[in-house]
Amino acid sequence: MSIRIDDELIDHLLFLSRLSVDNKEKLKNDLQEIVDYFEVLSEVDTEGLEPMYTPIEESAALREDRPQQFDNVEGILNNFPEKVGKLVKVPGIYG
């Protein structure tokens, strides 16, 4: 199955991502190369192979999770322009 990247798909992807590009033709060719490469990868026989979720087989050494007292609370609070006591005001998130 061969997937073709066309102008309609490029326009749709640009609309969804809210992006604009100067050279749609280059983007189309680059995306087509990526899709073609994945089609080559799909021809590899992976029957009987276990999925590999990470190339790192050893687990990371984690430090012990324990609470620590931070001594410079005032230093951090001084970085915020608006505060009330130990509470800081940050910009709201509007959706």
N, C-alpha and C. Protein backbone atom coordinates (compact mmCIF):
# COMPACT_ATOMS: atom_id res chain seq x y z
N MET A 1 0.84 -1.17 0.00
CA MET A 1 0.00 0.00 0.00
C MET A 1 0.89 1.24 0.00
N SER A 2 0.71 2.06 -0.97
CA SER A 2 1.55 3.25 -1.09
C SER A 2 0.74 4.48 -0.72
N ILE A 3 1.21 5.20 0.25
CA ILE A 3 0.54 6.43 0.69
C ILE A 3 1.14 7.59 -0.08
N ARG A 4 0.30 8.41 -0.65
CA ARG A 4 0.74 9.59 -1.40
C ARG A 4 0.41 10.85 -0.63
N ILE A 5 1.40 11.71 -0.48
CA ILE A 5 1.22 13.01 0.15
C ILE A 5 0.84 13.99 -0.96
N ASP A 6 -0.35 14.57 -0.88
CA ASP A 6 -0.78 15.51 -1.92
C ASP A 6 -1.03 16.89 -1.31
N ASP A 7 -1.32 17.85 -2.19
CA ASP A 7 -1.53 19.23 -1.74
C ASP A 7 -2.68 19.35 -0.75
N GLU A 8 -3.72 18.56 -0.97
CA GLU A 8 -4.89 18.60 -0.07
C GLU A 8 -4.50 18.18 1.35
N LEU A 9 -3.69 17.13 1.45
CA LEU A 9 -3.24 16.66 2.77
C LEU A 9 -2.33 17.71 3.43
N ILE A 10 -1.45 18.31 2.66
CA ILE A 10 -0.56 19.34 3.20
C ILE A 10 -1.39 20.51 3.73
N ASP A 11 -2.37 20.96 2.96
CA ASP A 11 -3.22 22.07 3.41
C ASP A 11 -3.98 21.70 4.68
N HIS A 12 -4.46 20.47 4.75
CA HIS A 12 -5.19 20.02 5.94
C HIS A 12 -4.27 19.99 7.17
N LEU A 13 -3.06 19.45 7.01
CA LEU A 13 -2.11 19.39 8.12
C LEU A 13 -1.70 20.78 8.58
N LEU A 14 -1.49 21.69 7.63
CA LEU A 14 -1.13 23.06 8.00
C LEU A 14 -2.27 23.74 8.74
N PHE A 15 -3.51 23.47 8.31
CA PHE A 15 -4.67 24.04 9.00
C PHE A 15 -4.77 23.51 10.42
N LEU A 16 -4.64 22.19 10.58
CA LEU A 16 -4.75 21.58 11.92
C LEU A 16 -3.65 22.06 12.85
N SER A 17 -2.45 22.24 12.32
CA SER A 17 -1.33 22.64 13.17
C SER A 17 -1.22 24.15 13.32
N ARG A 18 -2.07 24.88 12.60
CA ARG A 18 -2.06 26.35 12.64
C ARG A 18 -0.69 26.90 12.24
N LEU A 19 -0.05 26.22 11.26
CA LEU A 19 1.25 26.64 10.77
C LEU A 19 1.13 27.16 9.35
N SER A 20 2.12 27.92 8.94
CA SER A 20 2.23 28.31 7.54
C SER A 20 3.67 28.08 7.12
N VAL A 21 3.85 27.74 5.86
CA VAL A 21 5.19 27.49 5.34
C VAL A 21 5.38 28.28 4.05
N ASP A 22 6.63 28.59 3.76
CA ASP A 22 6.93 29.32 2.54
C ASP A 22 6.98 28.40 1.33
N ASN A 23 7.39 27.15 1.55
CA ASN A 23 7.59 26.23 0.43
C ASN A 23 6.82 24.93 0.67
N LYS A 24 5.55 24.91 0.24
CA LYS A 24 4.71 23.73 0.44
C LYS A 24 5.23 22.52 -0.34
N GLU A 25 5.82 22.79 -1.49
CA GLU A 25 6.32 21.69 -2.32
C GLU A 25 7.46 20.95 -1.62
N LYS A 26 8.35 21.68 -0.98
CA LYS A 26 9.45 21.04 -0.24
C LYS A 26 8.91 20.24 0.94
N LEU A 27 7.93 20.81 1.65
CA LEU A 27 7.31 20.08 2.76
C LEU A 27 6.67 18.80 2.26
N LYS A 28 5.96 18.90 1.15
CA LYS A 28 5.30 17.73 0.58
C LYS A 28 6.33 16.66 0.21
N ASN A 29 7.43 17.05 -0.41
CA ASN A 29 8.47 16.08 -0.79
C ASN A 29 9.14 15.47 0.43
N ASP A 30 9.41 16.29 1.44
CA ASP A 30 10.04 15.77 2.67
C ASP A 30 9.14 14.77 3.37
N LEU A 31 7.86 15.10 3.50
CA LEU A 31 6.92 14.17 4.14
C LEU A 31 6.78 12.89 3.33
N GLN A 32 6.81 12.99 2.01
CA GLN A 32 6.71 11.79 1.16
C GLN A 32 7.92 10.89 1.37
N GLU A 33 9.11 11.48 1.51
CA GLU A 33 10.30 10.68 1.78
C GLU A 33 10.18 9.93 3.10
N ILE A 34 9.65 10.60 4.12
CA ILE A 34 9.47 9.97 5.44
C ILE A 34 8.49 8.81 5.34
N VAL A 35 7.37 9.03 4.67
CA VAL A 35 6.36 7.98 4.53
C VAL A 35 6.93 6.81 3.73
N ASP A 36 7.67 7.10 2.67
CA ASP A 36 8.28 6.03 1.87
C ASP A 36 9.26 5.22 2.70
N TYR A 37 10.02 5.87 3.57
CA TYR A 37 10.96 5.16 4.42
C TYR A 37 10.23 4.21 5.37
N PHE A 38 9.13 4.68 5.94
CA PHE A 38 8.37 3.81 6.84
C PHE A 38 7.75 2.64 6.10
N GLU A 39 7.41 2.83 4.83
CA GLU A 39 6.90 1.71 4.04
C GLU A 39 7.98 0.65 3.86
N VAL A 40 9.25 1.07 3.69
CA VAL A 40 10.35 0.12 3.59
C VAL A 40 10.49 -0.63 4.92
N LEU A 41 10.38 0.09 6.03
CA LEU A 41 10.49 -0.56 7.34
C LEU A 41 9.38 -1.58 7.57
N SER A 42 8.21 -1.33 7.00
CA SER A 42 7.09 -2.25 7.22
C SER A 42 7.31 -3.59 6.52
N GLU A 43 8.28 -3.66 5.60
CA GLU A 43 8.58 -4.91 4.91
C GLU A 43 9.48 -5.83 5.73
N VAL A 44 10.05 -5.34 6.83
CA VAL A 44 10.94 -6.14 7.66
C VAL A 44 10.12 -7.18 8.40
N ASP A 45 10.60 -8.43 8.37
CA ASP A 45 9.89 -9.52 9.06
C ASP A 45 10.19 -9.44 10.56
N THR A 46 9.17 -9.14 11.34
CA THR A 46 9.33 -9.05 12.80
C THR A 46 8.56 -10.17 13.51
N GLU A 47 8.16 -11.17 12.79
CA GLU A 47 7.40 -12.28 13.37
C GLU A 47 8.20 -12.96 14.48
N GLY A 48 7.61 -13.09 15.64
CA GLY A 48 8.25 -13.78 16.76
C GLY A 48 9.16 -12.91 17.60
N LEU A 49 9.31 -11.64 17.26
CA LEU A 49 10.16 -10.75 18.05
C LEU A 49 9.33 -10.04 19.11
N GLU A 50 9.89 -9.94 20.31
CA GLU A 50 9.22 -9.22 21.38
C GLU A 50 9.34 -7.71 21.13
N PRO A 51 8.30 -6.96 21.44
CA PRO A 51 8.39 -5.50 21.29
C PRO A 51 9.47 -4.92 22.20
N MET A 52 10.14 -3.90 21.71
CA MET A 52 11.18 -3.23 22.48
C MET A 52 10.70 -1.81 22.75
N TYR A 53 10.47 -1.50 24.00
CA TYR A 53 9.92 -0.20 24.36
C TYR A 53 10.99 0.85 24.57
N THR A 54 12.21 0.42 24.84
CA THR A 54 13.32 1.35 25.03
C THR A 54 14.61 0.64 24.66
N PRO A 55 15.56 1.34 24.08
CA PRO A 55 16.83 0.69 23.75
C PRO A 55 17.74 0.49 24.97
N ILE A 56 17.36 1.08 26.09
CA ILE A 56 18.17 0.97 27.31
C ILE A 56 17.60 -0.16 28.15
N GLU A 57 18.39 -1.19 28.36
CA GLU A 57 17.90 -2.36 29.10
C GLU A 57 18.06 -2.22 30.61
N GLU A 58 18.99 -1.39 31.05
CA GLU A 58 19.19 -1.23 32.49
C GLU A 58 18.26 -0.13 33.01
N SER A 59 17.73 -0.34 34.18
CA SER A 59 16.87 0.69 34.75
C SER A 59 17.73 1.80 35.36
N ALA A 60 17.17 2.97 35.40
CA ALA A 60 17.90 4.13 35.93
C ALA A 60 18.02 4.02 37.45
N ALA A 61 19.15 4.43 37.96
CA ALA A 61 19.34 4.45 39.40
C ALA A 61 18.65 5.68 39.95
N LEU A 62 17.64 5.47 40.77
CA LEU A 62 16.88 6.58 41.32
C LEU A 62 17.33 6.87 42.74
N ARG A 63 17.28 8.12 43.08
CA ARG A 63 17.62 8.50 44.45
C ARG A 63 16.42 8.23 45.36
N GLU A 64 16.67 8.14 46.62
CA GLU A 64 15.59 7.94 47.58
C GLU A 64 14.71 9.19 47.60
N ASP A 65 13.42 8.99 47.57
CA ASP A 65 12.48 10.10 47.58
C ASP A 65 12.19 10.48 49.02
N ARG A 66 12.70 11.63 49.44
CA ARG A 66 12.48 12.07 50.81
C ARG A 66 12.32 13.59 50.83
N PRO A 67 11.49 14.09 51.69
CA PRO A 67 11.30 15.54 51.75
C PRO A 67 12.55 16.24 52.25
N GLN A 68 12.78 17.44 51.72
CA GLN A 68 13.92 18.25 52.15
C GLN A 68 13.43 19.66 52.45
N GLN A 69 14.02 20.26 53.42
CA GLN A 69 13.69 21.62 53.78
C GLN A 69 14.48 22.56 52.87
N PHE A 70 13.78 23.53 52.26
CA PHE A 70 14.45 24.52 51.42
C PHE A 70 14.60 25.80 52.22
N ASP A 71 15.82 26.29 52.30
CA ASP A 71 16.11 27.41 53.19
C ASP A 71 15.92 28.79 52.57
N ASN A 72 15.87 28.90 51.26
CA ASN A 72 15.85 30.21 50.63
C ASN A 72 14.48 30.53 50.03
N VAL A 73 13.43 30.39 50.80
CA VAL A 73 12.07 30.67 50.33
C VAL A 73 11.95 32.15 49.97
N GLU A 74 12.50 33.02 50.77
CA GLU A 74 12.42 34.47 50.51
C GLU A 74 13.12 34.82 49.20
N GLY A 75 14.21 34.16 48.91
CA GLY A 75 14.93 34.41 47.66
C GLY A 75 14.08 34.11 46.44
N ILE A 76 13.32 33.03 46.50
CA ILE A 76 12.42 32.69 45.40
C ILE A 76 11.26 33.67 45.34
N LEU A 77 10.67 33.98 46.48
CA LEU A 77 9.53 34.91 46.50
C LEU A 77 9.92 36.28 45.96
N ASN A 78 11.16 36.70 46.15
CA ASN A 78 11.61 38.00 45.66
C ASN A 78 11.65 38.06 44.14
N ASN A 79 11.62 36.91 43.45
CA ASN A 79 11.63 36.88 41.99
C ASN A 79 10.26 37.16 41.38
N PHE A 80 9.22 37.14 42.18
CA PHE A 80 7.86 37.35 41.69
C PHE A 80 7.42 38.78 41.95
N PRO A 81 6.89 39.46 40.92
CA PRO A 81 6.49 40.85 41.11
C PRO A 81 5.26 41.00 41.99
N GLU A 82 4.35 40.03 41.95
CA GLU A 82 3.12 40.15 42.74
C GLU A 82 3.03 38.98 43.71
N LYS A 83 2.88 39.31 44.99
CA LYS A 83 2.77 38.25 46.01
C LYS A 83 2.00 38.79 47.21
N VAL A 84 1.41 37.85 47.94
CA VAL A 84 0.73 38.18 49.20
C VAL A 84 1.24 37.15 50.20
N GLY A 85 2.07 37.61 51.14
CA GLY A 85 2.67 36.68 52.08
C GLY A 85 3.57 35.71 51.34
N LYS A 86 3.30 34.41 51.49
CA LYS A 86 4.08 33.40 50.78
C LYS A 86 3.34 32.87 49.55
N LEU A 87 2.29 33.56 49.12
CA LEU A 87 1.56 33.19 47.91
C LEU A 87 2.00 34.09 46.77
N VAL A 88 2.16 33.52 45.58
CA VAL A 88 2.57 34.32 44.42
C VAL A 88 1.45 34.34 43.39
N LYS A 89 1.37 35.44 42.65
CA LYS A 89 0.37 35.56 41.61
C LYS A 89 1.03 35.25 40.28
N VAL A 90 0.42 34.35 39.51
CA VAL A 90 0.94 33.98 38.19
C VAL A 90 -0.13 34.26 37.15
N PRO A 91 0.25 34.37 35.88
CA PRO A 91 -0.74 34.61 34.83
C PRO A 91 -1.77 33.50 34.77
N GLY A 92 -3.01 33.88 34.48
CA GLY A 92 -4.08 32.89 34.34
C GLY A 92 -3.96 32.13 33.03
N ILE A 93 -4.57 30.96 32.99
CA ILE A 93 -4.61 30.14 31.79
C ILE A 93 -6.03 30.18 31.26
N TYR A 94 -6.17 30.68 30.06
CA TYR A 94 -7.51 30.81 29.47
C TYR A 94 -7.62 29.84 28.32
N GLY A 95 -8.71 29.09 28.26
CA GLY A 95 -8.85 28.08 27.22
C GLY A 95 -9.94 28.31 26.32
